[in-house]
Amino acid sequence: GIPGAGLADEETPLSLDASPAVAADARLVSEIERRLLETS
């Protein structure tokens, strides 16, 4: 979850623009979740 005050929840955006390895993993997570959750 993107850095910020308080605890992140399920609606908190992911850190897609963070440091290199973190951003890469966040993008991977975002893609695999998108594929799954958009499956009707």
PDB file of all heavy atoms in Angstrom:
ATOM      1  N   GLY A   1       0.828  -1.205   0.000  1.00  0.00           N
ATOM      2  CA  GLY A   1       0.000   0.000   0.000  1.00  0.00           C
ATOM      3  C   GLY A   1       0.860   1.250   0.000  1.00  0.00           C
ATOM      4  O   GLY A   1       1.963   1.274   0.562  1.00  0.00           O
ATOM      5  N   ILE A   2       0.383   2.319  -0.634  1.00  0.00           N
ATOM      6  CA  ILE A   2       1.179   3.550  -0.702  1.00  0.00           C
ATOM      7  C   ILE A   2       1.454   4.063   0.716  1.00  0.00           C
ATOM      8  O   ILE A   2       0.607   3.951   1.603  1.00  0.00           O
ATOM      9  CB  ILE A   2       0.482   4.644  -1.530  1.00  0.00           C
ATOM     10  CG1 ILE A   2      -0.906   4.974  -0.966  1.00  0.00           C
ATOM     11  CG2 ILE A   2       0.379   4.256  -2.993  1.00  0.00           C
ATOM     12  CD1 ILE A   2      -1.543   6.179  -1.597  1.00  0.00           C
ATOM     13  N   PRO A   3       2.652   4.606   0.948  1.00  0.00           N
ATOM     14  CA  PRO A   3       2.964   5.149   2.271  1.00  0.00           C
ATOM     15  C   PRO A   3       1.987   6.254   2.654  1.00  0.00           C
ATOM     16  O   PRO A   3       1.473   6.977   1.808  1.00  0.00           O
ATOM     17  CB  PRO A   3       4.385   5.705   2.093  1.00  0.00           C
ATOM     18  CG  PRO A   3       4.962   4.924   0.951  1.00  0.00           C
ATOM     19  CD  PRO A   3       3.805   4.684   0.026  1.00  0.00           C
ATOM     20  N   GLY A   4       1.730   6.353   3.947  1.00  0.00           N
ATOM     21  CA  GLY A   4       0.811   7.374   4.436  1.00  0.00           C
ATOM     22  C   GLY A   4       0.491   7.146   5.895  1.00  0.00           C
ATOM     23  O   GLY A   4       0.943   6.176   6.515  1.00  0.00           O
ATOM     24  N   ALA A   5      -0.306   8.053   6.440  1.00  0.00           N
ATOM     25  CA  ALA A   5      -0.686   7.947   7.846  1.00  0.00           C
ATOM     26  C   ALA A   5      -1.712   6.836   8.047  1.00  0.00           C
ATOM     27  O   ALA A   5      -2.542   6.566   7.178  1.00  0.00           O
ATOM     28  CB  ALA A   5      -1.255   9.282   8.321  1.00  0.00           C
ATOM     29  N   GLY A   6      -1.658   6.211   9.218  1.00  0.00           N
ATOM     30  CA  GLY A   6      -2.635   5.183   9.551  1.00  0.00           C
ATOM     31  C   GLY A   6      -2.382   3.889   8.801  1.00  0.00           C
ATOM     32  O   GLY A   6      -1.401   3.734   8.064  1.00  0.00           O
ATOM     33  N   LEU A   7      -3.280   2.926   9.000  1.00  0.00           N
ATOM     34  CA  LEU A   7      -3.143   1.617   8.384  1.00  0.00           C
ATOM     35  C   LEU A   7      -3.827   1.582   7.022  1.00  0.00           C
ATOM     36  O   LEU A   7      -4.904   2.160   6.844  1.00  0.00           O
ATOM     37  CB  LEU A   7      -3.751   0.547   9.290  1.00  0.00           C
ATOM     38  CG  LEU A   7      -3.117   0.386  10.672  1.00  0.00           C
ATOM     39  CD1 LEU A   7      -3.861  -0.685  11.467  1.00  0.00           C
ATOM     40  CD2 LEU A   7      -1.635   0.055  10.573  1.00  0.00           C
ATOM     41  N   ALA A   8      -3.206   0.915   6.082  1.00  0.00           N
ATOM     42  CA  ALA A   8      -3.820   0.717   4.774  1.00  0.00           C
ATOM     43  C   ALA A   8      -4.960  -0.285   4.892  1.00  0.00           C
ATOM     44  O   ALA A   8      -4.938  -1.182   5.743  1.00  0.00           O
ATOM     45  CB  ALA A   8      -2.778   0.205   3.783  1.00  0.00           C
ATOM     46  N   ASP A   9      -5.964  -0.144   4.031  1.00  0.00           N
ATOM     47  CA  ASP A   9      -7.025  -1.148   3.952  1.00  0.00           C
ATOM     48  C   ASP A   9      -7.112  -1.651   2.516  1.00  0.00           C
ATOM     49  O   ASP A   9      -6.264  -1.338   1.675  1.00  0.00           O
ATOM     50  CB  ASP A   9      -8.362  -0.598   4.465  1.00  0.00           C
ATOM     51  CG  ASP A   9      -8.894   0.569   3.648  1.00  0.00           C
ATOM     52  OD1 ASP A   9      -8.450   0.767   2.483  1.00  0.00           O
ATOM     53  OD2 ASP A   9      -9.758   1.301   4.154  1.00  0.00           O
ATOM     54  N   GLU A  10      -8.152  -2.430   2.230  1.00  0.00           N
ATOM     55  CA  GLU A  10      -8.269  -3.054   0.911  1.00  0.00           C
ATOM     56  C   GLU A  10      -8.464  -2.043  -0.213  1.00  0.00           C
ATOM     57  O   GLU A  10      -8.241  -2.375  -1.382  1.00  0.00           O
ATOM     58  CB  GLU A  10      -9.426  -4.058   0.919  1.00  0.00           C
ATOM     59  CG  GLU A  10      -9.137  -5.353   1.666  1.00  0.00           C
ATOM     60  CD  GLU A  10      -9.251  -5.263   3.180  1.00  0.00           C
ATOM     61  OE1 GLU A  10      -9.631  -4.179   3.683  1.00  0.00           O
ATOM     62  OE2 GLU A  10      -8.973  -6.266   3.866  1.00  0.00           O
ATOM     63  N   GLU A  11      -8.861  -0.821   0.116  1.00  0.00           N
ATOM     64  CA  GLU A  11      -9.079   0.205  -0.901  1.00  0.00           C
ATOM     65  C   GLU A  11      -7.853   1.090  -1.130  1.00  0.00           C
ATOM     66  O   GLU A  11      -7.848   1.908  -2.050  1.00  0.00           O
ATOM     67  CB  GLU A  11     -10.270   1.092  -0.504  1.00  0.00           C
ATOM     68  CG  GLU A  11     -11.571   0.330  -0.263  1.00  0.00           C
ATOM     69  CD  GLU A  11     -11.991  -0.490  -1.470  1.00  0.00           C
ATOM     70  OE1 GLU A  11     -11.871   0.030  -2.601  1.00  0.00           O
ATOM     71  OE2 GLU A  11     -12.421  -1.638  -1.282  1.00  0.00           O
ATOM     72  N   THR A  12      -6.821   0.948  -0.316  1.00  0.00           N
ATOM     73  CA  THR A  12      -5.631   1.777  -0.445  1.00  0.00           C
ATOM     74  C   THR A  12      -4.892   1.446  -1.740  1.00  0.00           C
ATOM     75  O   THR A  12      -4.614   0.274  -2.014  1.00  0.00           O
ATOM     76  CB  THR A  12      -4.680   1.545   0.750  1.00  0.00           C
ATOM     77  OG1 THR A  12      -5.376   1.848   1.957  1.00  0.00           O
ATOM     78  CG2 THR A  12      -3.437   2.420   0.639  1.00  0.00           C
ATOM     79  N   PRO A  13      -4.551   2.436  -2.565  1.00  0.00           N
ATOM     80  CA  PRO A  13      -3.802   2.161  -3.801  1.00  0.00           C
ATOM     81  C   PRO A  13      -2.440   1.533  -3.494  1.00  0.00           C
ATOM     82  O   PRO A  13      -1.867   1.735  -2.424  1.00  0.00           O
ATOM     83  CB  PRO A  13      -3.636   3.550  -4.429  1.00  0.00           C
ATOM     84  CG  PRO A  13      -4.708   4.388  -3.815  1.00  0.00           C
ATOM     85  CD  PRO A  13      -4.902   3.857  -2.434  1.00  0.00           C
ATOM     86  N   LEU A  14      -1.919   0.788  -4.454  1.00  0.00           N
ATOM     87  CA  LEU A  14      -0.620   0.139  -4.286  1.00  0.00           C
ATOM     88  C   LEU A  14       0.507   1.072  -4.718  1.00  0.00           C
ATOM     89  O   LEU A  14       0.305   2.010  -5.496  1.00  0.00           O
ATOM     90  CB  LEU A  14      -0.577  -1.157  -5.091  1.00  0.00           C
ATOM     91  CG  LEU A  14      -1.618  -2.206  -4.721  1.00  0.00           C
ATOM     92  CD1 LEU A  14      -1.407  -3.485  -5.538  1.00  0.00           C
ATOM     93  CD2 LEU A  14      -1.600  -2.528  -3.233  1.00  0.00           C
ATOM     94  N   SER A  15       1.712   0.767  -4.225  1.00  0.00           N
ATOM     95  CA  SER A  15       2.884   1.632  -4.441  1.00  0.00           C
ATOM     96  C   SER A  15       3.512   1.365  -5.808  1.00  0.00           C
ATOM     97  O   SER A  15       4.637   0.882  -5.917  1.00  0.00           O
ATOM     98  CB  SER A  15       3.915   1.396  -3.341  1.00  0.00           C
ATOM     99  OG  SER A  15       3.417   1.740  -2.090  1.00  0.00           O
ATOM    100  N   LEU A  16       2.806   1.729  -6.859  1.00  0.00           N
ATOM    101  CA  LEU A  16       3.259   1.444  -8.220  1.00  0.00           C
ATOM    102  C   LEU A  16       4.441   2.301  -8.635  1.00  0.00           C
ATOM    103  O   LEU A  16       5.131   1.982  -9.617  1.00  0.00           O
ATOM    104  CB  LEU A  16       2.101   1.636  -9.206  1.00  0.00           C
ATOM    105  CG  LEU A  16       0.843   0.805  -8.935  1.00  0.00           C
ATOM    106  CD1 LEU A  16      -0.222   1.110  -9.980  1.00  0.00           C
ATOM    107  CD2 LEU A  16       1.158  -0.683  -8.905  1.00  0.00           C
ATOM    108  N   ASP A  17       4.693   3.393  -7.927  1.00  0.00           N
ATOM    109  CA  ASP A  17       5.786   4.308  -8.277  1.00  0.00           C
ATOM    110  C   ASP A  17       6.820   4.401  -7.165  1.00  0.00           C
ATOM    111  O   ASP A  17       7.516   5.409  -7.040  1.00  0.00           O
ATOM    112  CB  ASP A  17       5.226   5.704  -8.579  1.00  0.00           C
ATOM    113  CG  ASP A  17       4.273   5.694  -9.767  1.00  0.00           C
ATOM    114  OD1 ASP A  17       4.612   5.054 -10.787  1.00  0.00           O
ATOM    115  OD2 ASP A  17       3.193   6.300  -9.668  1.00  0.00           O
ATOM    116  N   ALA A  18       6.947   3.345  -6.367  1.00  0.00           N
ATOM    117  CA  ALA A  18       7.896   3.347  -5.252  1.00  0.00           C
ATOM    118  C   ALA A  18       9.302   3.026  -5.763  1.00  0.00           C
ATOM    119  O   ALA A  18       9.601   3.152  -6.952  1.00  0.00           O
ATOM    120  CB  ALA A  18       7.446   2.340  -4.199  1.00  0.00           C
ATOM    121  N   SER A  19      10.183   2.602  -4.866  1.00  0.00           N
ATOM    122  CA  SER A  19      11.541   2.209  -5.243  1.00  0.00           C
ATOM    123  C   SER A  19      11.481   1.030  -6.218  1.00  0.00           C
ATOM    124  O   SER A  19      10.464   0.346  -6.311  1.00  0.00           O
ATOM    125  CB  SER A  19      12.323   1.850  -3.987  1.00  0.00           C
ATOM    126  OG  SER A  19      11.647   0.846  -3.254  1.00  0.00           O
ATOM    127  N   PRO A  20      12.551   0.783  -6.977  1.00  0.00           N
ATOM    128  CA  PRO A  20      12.453  -0.133  -8.130  1.00  0.00           C
ATOM    129  C   PRO A  20      11.882  -1.517  -7.853  1.00  0.00           C
ATOM    130  O   PRO A  20      10.926  -1.941  -8.520  1.00  0.00           O
ATOM    131  CB  PRO A  20      13.914  -0.219  -8.603  1.00  0.00           C
ATOM    132  CG  PRO A  20      14.509   1.093  -8.225  1.00  0.00           C
ATOM    133  CD  PRO A  20      13.867   1.448  -6.908  1.00  0.00           C
ATOM    134  N   ALA A  21      12.434  -2.248  -6.884  1.00  0.00           N
ATOM    135  CA  ALA A  21      11.941  -3.612  -6.641  1.00  0.00           C
ATOM    136  C   ALA A  21      10.547  -3.595  -6.037  1.00  0.00           C
ATOM    137  O   ALA A  21       9.706  -4.450  -6.358  1.00  0.00           O
ATOM    138  CB  ALA A  21      12.905  -4.373  -5.734  1.00  0.00           C
ATOM    139  N   VAL A  22      10.268  -2.629  -5.171  1.00  0.00           N
ATOM    140  CA  VAL A  22       8.939  -2.510  -4.575  1.00  0.00           C
ATOM    141  C   VAL A  22       7.908  -2.209  -5.657  1.00  0.00           C
ATOM    142  O   VAL A  22       6.836  -2.831  -5.714  1.00  0.00           O
ATOM    143  CB  VAL A  22       8.925  -1.424  -3.482  1.00  0.00           C
ATOM    144  CG1 VAL A  22       7.495  -1.163  -2.997  1.00  0.00           C
ATOM    145  CG2 VAL A  22       9.819  -1.833  -2.311  1.00  0.00           C
ATOM    146  N   ALA A  23       8.216  -1.263  -6.531  1.00  0.00           N
ATOM    147  CA  ALA A  23       7.284  -0.908  -7.604  1.00  0.00           C
ATOM    148  C   ALA A  23       7.037  -2.091  -8.527  1.00  0.00           C
ATOM    149  O   ALA A  23       5.898  -2.339  -8.948  1.00  0.00           O
ATOM    150  CB  ALA A  23       7.831   0.276  -8.389  1.00  0.00           C
ATOM    151  N   ALA A  24       8.096  -2.848  -8.834  1.00  0.00           N
ATOM    152  CA  ALA A  24       7.935  -4.013  -9.710  1.00  0.00           C
ATOM    153  C   ALA A  24       7.011  -5.043  -9.076  1.00  0.00           C
ATOM    154  O   ALA A  24       6.122  -5.593  -9.746  1.00  0.00           O
ATOM    155  CB  ALA A  24       9.296  -4.628 -10.012  1.00  0.00           C
ATOM    156  N   ASP A  25       7.185  -5.311  -7.786  1.00  0.00           N
ATOM    157  CA  ASP A  25       6.310  -6.269  -7.107  1.00  0.00           C
ATOM    158  C   ASP A  25       4.885  -5.748  -6.990  1.00  0.00           C
ATOM    159  O   ASP A  25       3.923  -6.506  -7.115  1.00  0.00           O
ATOM    160  CB  ASP A  25       6.869  -6.591  -5.724  1.00  0.00           C
ATOM    161  CG  ASP A  25       7.955  -7.649  -5.766  1.00  0.00           C
ATOM    162  OD1 ASP A  25       8.136  -8.267  -6.828  1.00  0.00           O
ATOM    163  OD2 ASP A  25       8.627  -7.854  -4.739  1.00  0.00           O
ATOM    164  N   ALA A  26       4.747  -4.447  -6.728  1.00  0.00           N
ATOM    165  CA  ALA A  26       3.406  -3.873  -6.630  1.00  0.00           C
ATOM    166  C   ALA A  26       2.676  -3.964  -7.967  1.00  0.00           C
ATOM    167  O   ALA A  26       1.469  -4.249  -8.013  1.00  0.00           O
ATOM    168  CB  ALA A  26       3.495  -2.417  -6.173  1.00  0.00           C
ATOM    169  N   ARG A  27       3.400  -3.752  -9.059  1.00  0.00           N
ATOM    170  CA  ARG A  27       2.779  -3.875 -10.382  1.00  0.00           C
ATOM    171  C   ARG A  27       2.404  -5.324 -10.675  1.00  0.00           C
ATOM    172  O   ARG A  27       1.356  -5.596 -11.279  1.00  0.00           O
ATOM    173  CB  ARG A  27       3.732  -3.344 -11.460  1.00  0.00           C
ATOM    174  CG  ARG A  27       3.975  -1.838 -11.376  1.00  0.00           C
ATOM    175  CD  ARG A  27       4.748  -1.327 -12.582  1.00  0.00           C
ATOM    176  NE  ARG A  27       5.216   0.027 -12.351  1.00  0.00           N
ATOM    177  CZ  ARG A  27       6.483   0.360 -12.109  1.00  0.00           C
ATOM    178  NH1 ARG A  27       7.407  -0.586 -12.088  1.00  0.00           N
ATOM    179  NH2 ARG A  27       6.824   1.608 -11.906  1.00  0.00           N
ATOM    180  N   LEU A  28       3.254  -6.269 -10.252  1.00  0.00           N
ATOM    181  CA  LEU A  28       2.941  -7.687 -10.425  1.00  0.00           C
ATOM    182  C   LEU A  28       1.673  -8.053  -9.663  1.00  0.00           C
ATOM    183  O   LEU A  28       0.764  -8.695 -10.206  1.00  0.00           O
ATOM    184  CB  LEU A  28       4.119  -8.530  -9.936  1.00  0.00           C
ATOM    185  CG  LEU A  28       3.909 -10.050  -9.881  1.00  0.00           C
ATOM    186  CD1 LEU A  28       3.600 -10.605 -11.261  1.00  0.00           C
ATOM    187  CD2 LEU A  28       5.141 -10.731  -9.289  1.00  0.00           C
ATOM    188  N   VAL A  29       1.595  -7.628  -8.408  1.00  0.00           N
ATOM    189  CA  VAL A  29       0.409  -7.888  -7.591  1.00  0.00           C
ATOM    190  C   VAL A  29      -0.827  -7.267  -8.230  1.00  0.00           C
ATOM    191  O   VAL A  29      -1.893  -7.886  -8.308  1.00  0.00           O
ATOM    192  CB  VAL A  29       0.619  -7.341  -6.165  1.00  0.00           C
ATOM    193  CG1 VAL A  29      -0.693  -7.262  -5.403  1.00  0.00           C
ATOM    194  CG2 VAL A  29       1.618  -8.215  -5.406  1.00  0.00           C
ATOM    195  N   SER A  30      -0.682  -6.034  -8.693  1.00  0.00           N
ATOM    196  CA  SER A  30      -1.811  -5.343  -9.317  1.00  0.00           C
ATOM    197  C   SER A  30      -2.320  -6.097 -10.537  1.00  0.00           C
ATOM    198  O   SER A  30      -3.537  -6.247 -10.737  1.00  0.00           O
ATOM    199  CB  SER A  30      -1.384  -3.924  -9.710  1.00  0.00           C
ATOM    200  OG  SER A  30      -2.444  -3.221 -10.306  1.00  0.00           O
ATOM    201  N   GLU A  31      -1.404  -6.623 -11.344  1.00  0.00           N
ATOM    202  CA  GLU A  31      -1.802  -7.331 -12.558  1.00  0.00           C
ATOM    203  C   GLU A  31      -2.469  -8.661 -12.248  1.00  0.00           C
ATOM    204  O   GLU A  31      -3.515  -8.988 -12.829  1.00  0.00           O
ATOM    205  CB  GLU A  31      -0.579  -7.544 -13.462  1.00  0.00           C
ATOM    206  CG  GLU A  31      -0.845  -8.378 -14.713  1.00  0.00           C
ATOM    207  CD  GLU A  31      -1.891  -7.775 -15.647  1.00  0.00           C
ATOM    208  OE1 GLU A  31      -2.185  -6.574 -15.521  1.00  0.00           O
ATOM    209  OE2 GLU A  31      -2.421  -8.526 -16.494  1.00  0.00           O
ATOM    210  N   ILE A  32      -1.887  -9.449 -11.327  1.00  0.00           N
ATOM    211  CA  ILE A  32      -2.501 -10.755 -11.064  1.00  0.00           C
ATOM    212  C   ILE A  32      -3.853 -10.596 -10.373  1.00  0.00           C
ATOM    213  O   ILE A  32      -4.775 -11.383 -10.614  1.00  0.00           O
ATOM    214  CB  ILE A  32      -1.561 -11.675 -10.249  1.00  0.00           C
ATOM    215  CG1 ILE A  32      -1.245 -11.108  -8.878  1.00  0.00           C
ATOM    216  CG2 ILE A  32      -0.292 -11.970 -11.023  1.00  0.00           C
ATOM    217  CD1 ILE A  32      -0.413 -12.036  -7.997  1.00  0.00           C
ATOM    218  N   GLU A  33      -3.995  -9.565  -9.544  1.00  0.00           N
ATOM    219  CA  GLU A  33      -5.298  -9.319  -8.929  1.00  0.00           C
ATOM    220  C   GLU A  33      -6.311  -8.846  -9.971  1.00  0.00           C
ATOM    221  O   GLU A  33      -7.475  -9.265  -9.951  1.00  0.00           O
ATOM    222  CB  GLU A  33      -5.170  -8.296  -7.808  1.00  0.00           C
ATOM    223  CG  GLU A  33      -4.454  -8.825  -6.577  1.00  0.00           C
ATOM    224  CD  GLU A  33      -4.464  -7.835  -5.424  1.00  0.00           C
ATOM    225  OE1 GLU A  33      -5.027  -6.724  -5.592  1.00  0.00           O
ATOM    226  OE2 GLU A  33      -3.909  -8.157  -4.356  1.00  0.00           O
ATOM    227  N   ARG A  34      -5.872  -7.972 -10.881  1.00  0.00           N
ATOM    228  CA  ARG A  34      -6.797  -7.484 -11.919  1.00  0.00           C
ATOM    229  C   ARG A  34      -7.328  -8.640 -12.752  1.00  0.00           C
ATOM    230  O   ARG A  34      -8.533  -8.725 -13.016  1.00  0.00           O
ATOM    231  CB  ARG A  34      -6.067  -6.468 -12.812  1.00  0.00           C
ATOM    232  CG  ARG A  34      -6.962  -5.855 -13.891  1.00  0.00           C
ATOM    233  CD  ARG A  34      -6.156  -5.163 -14.968  1.00  0.00           C
ATOM    234  NE  ARG A  34      -5.312  -6.092 -15.710  1.00  0.00           N
ATOM    235  CZ  ARG A  34      -5.760  -6.895 -16.664  1.00  0.00           C
ATOM    236  NH1 ARG A  34      -7.051  -6.917 -16.987  1.00  0.00           N
ATOM    237  NH2 ARG A  34      -4.930  -7.719 -17.292  1.00  0.00           N
ATOM    238  N   ARG A  35      -6.432  -9.523 -13.183  1.00  0.00           N
ATOM    239  CA  ARG A  35      -6.856 -10.658 -13.995  1.00  0.00           C
ATOM    240  C   ARG A  35      -7.917 -11.494 -13.276  1.00  0.00           C
ATOM    241  O   ARG A  35      -8.888 -11.935 -13.882  1.00  0.00           O
ATOM    242  CB  ARG A  35      -5.661 -11.556 -14.311  1.00  0.00           C
ATOM    243  CG  ARG A  35      -4.649 -10.970 -15.260  1.00  0.00           C
ATOM    244  CD  ARG A  35      -3.558 -11.999 -15.524  1.00  0.00           C
ATOM    245  NE  ARG A  35      -2.503 -11.492 -16.371  1.00  0.00           N
ATOM    246  CZ  ARG A  35      -1.452 -12.225 -16.768  1.00  0.00           C
ATOM    247  NH1 ARG A  35      -1.353 -13.486 -16.372  1.00  0.00           N
ATOM    248  NH2 ARG A  35      -0.532 -11.690 -17.542  1.00  0.00           N
ATOM    249  N   LEU A  36      -7.691 -11.708 -11.990  1.00  0.00           N
ATOM    250  CA  LEU A  36      -8.620 -12.542 -11.227  1.00  0.00           C
ATOM    251  C   LEU A  36      -9.941 -11.836 -10.984  1.00  0.00           C
ATOM    252  O   LEU A  36     -11.018 -12.397 -11.224  1.00  0.00           O
ATOM    253  CB  LEU A  36      -7.981 -12.933  -9.899  1.00  0.00           C
ATOM    254  CG  LEU A  36      -8.868 -13.713  -8.928  1.00  0.00           C
ATOM    255  CD1 LEU A  36      -9.321 -15.032  -9.532  1.00  0.00           C
ATOM    256  CD2 LEU A  36      -8.145 -13.951  -7.614  1.00  0.00           C
ATOM    257  N   LEU A  37      -9.877 -10.611 -10.506  1.00  0.00           N
ATOM    258  CA  LEU A  37     -11.091  -9.931 -10.062  1.00  0.00           C
ATOM    259  C   LEU A  37     -11.955  -9.442 -11.213  1.00  0.00           C
ATOM    260  O   LEU A  37     -13.139  -9.167 -11.025  1.00  0.00           O
ATOM    261  CB  LEU A  37     -10.720  -8.771  -9.133  1.00  0.00           C
ATOM    262  CG  LEU A  37      -9.961  -9.204  -7.863  1.00  0.00           C
ATOM    263  CD1 LEU A  37      -9.581  -7.997  -7.031  1.00  0.00           C
ATOM    264  CD2 LEU A  37     -10.763 -10.197  -7.035  1.00  0.00           C
ATOM    265  N   GLU A  38     -11.372  -9.347 -12.412  1.00  0.00           N
ATOM    266  CA  GLU A  38     -12.168  -8.967 -13.578  1.00  0.00           C
ATOM    267  C   GLU A  38     -12.766 -10.180 -14.286  1.00  0.00           C
ATOM    268  O   GLU A  38     -13.458 -10.035 -15.294  1.00  0.00           O
ATOM    269  CB  GLU A  38     -11.315  -8.155 -14.559  1.00  0.00           C
ATOM    270  CG  GLU A  38     -10.958  -6.757 -14.033  1.00  0.00           C
ATOM    271  CD  GLU A  38     -10.152  -5.937 -15.014  1.00  0.00           C
ATOM    272  OE1 GLU A  38      -9.863  -6.474 -16.121  1.00  0.00           O
ATOM    273  OE2 GLU A  38      -9.808  -4.792 -14.688  1.00  0.00           O
ATOM    274  N   THR A  39     -12.508 -11.372 -13.762  1.00  0.00           N
ATOM    275  CA  THR A  39     -13.081 -12.591 -14.330  1.00  0.00           C
ATOM    276  C   THR A  39     -14.509 -12.747 -13.818  1.00  0.00           C
ATOM    277  O   THR A  39     -14.734 -12.877 -12.613  1.00  0.00           O
ATOM    278  CB  THR A  39     -12.237 -13.819 -13.927  1.00  0.00           C
ATOM    279  OG1 THR A  39     -10.908 -13.628 -14.406  1.00  0.00           O
ATOM    280  CG2 THR A  39     -12.808 -15.089 -14.521  1.00  0.00           C
ATOM    281  N   SER A  40     -15.462 -12.726 -14.719  1.00  0.00           N
ATOM    282  CA  SER A  40     -16.866 -12.635 -14.311  1.00  0.00           C
ATOM    283  C   SER A  40     -17.510 -13.980 -14.008  1.00  0.00           C
ATOM    284  O   SER A  40     -18.515 -14.030 -13.300  1.00  0.00           O
ATOM    285  CB  SER A  40     -17.676 -11.925 -15.400  1.00  0.00           C
ATOM    286  OG  SER A  40     -17.603 -12.639 -16.630  1.00  0.00           O
TER     287      SER A  40
END
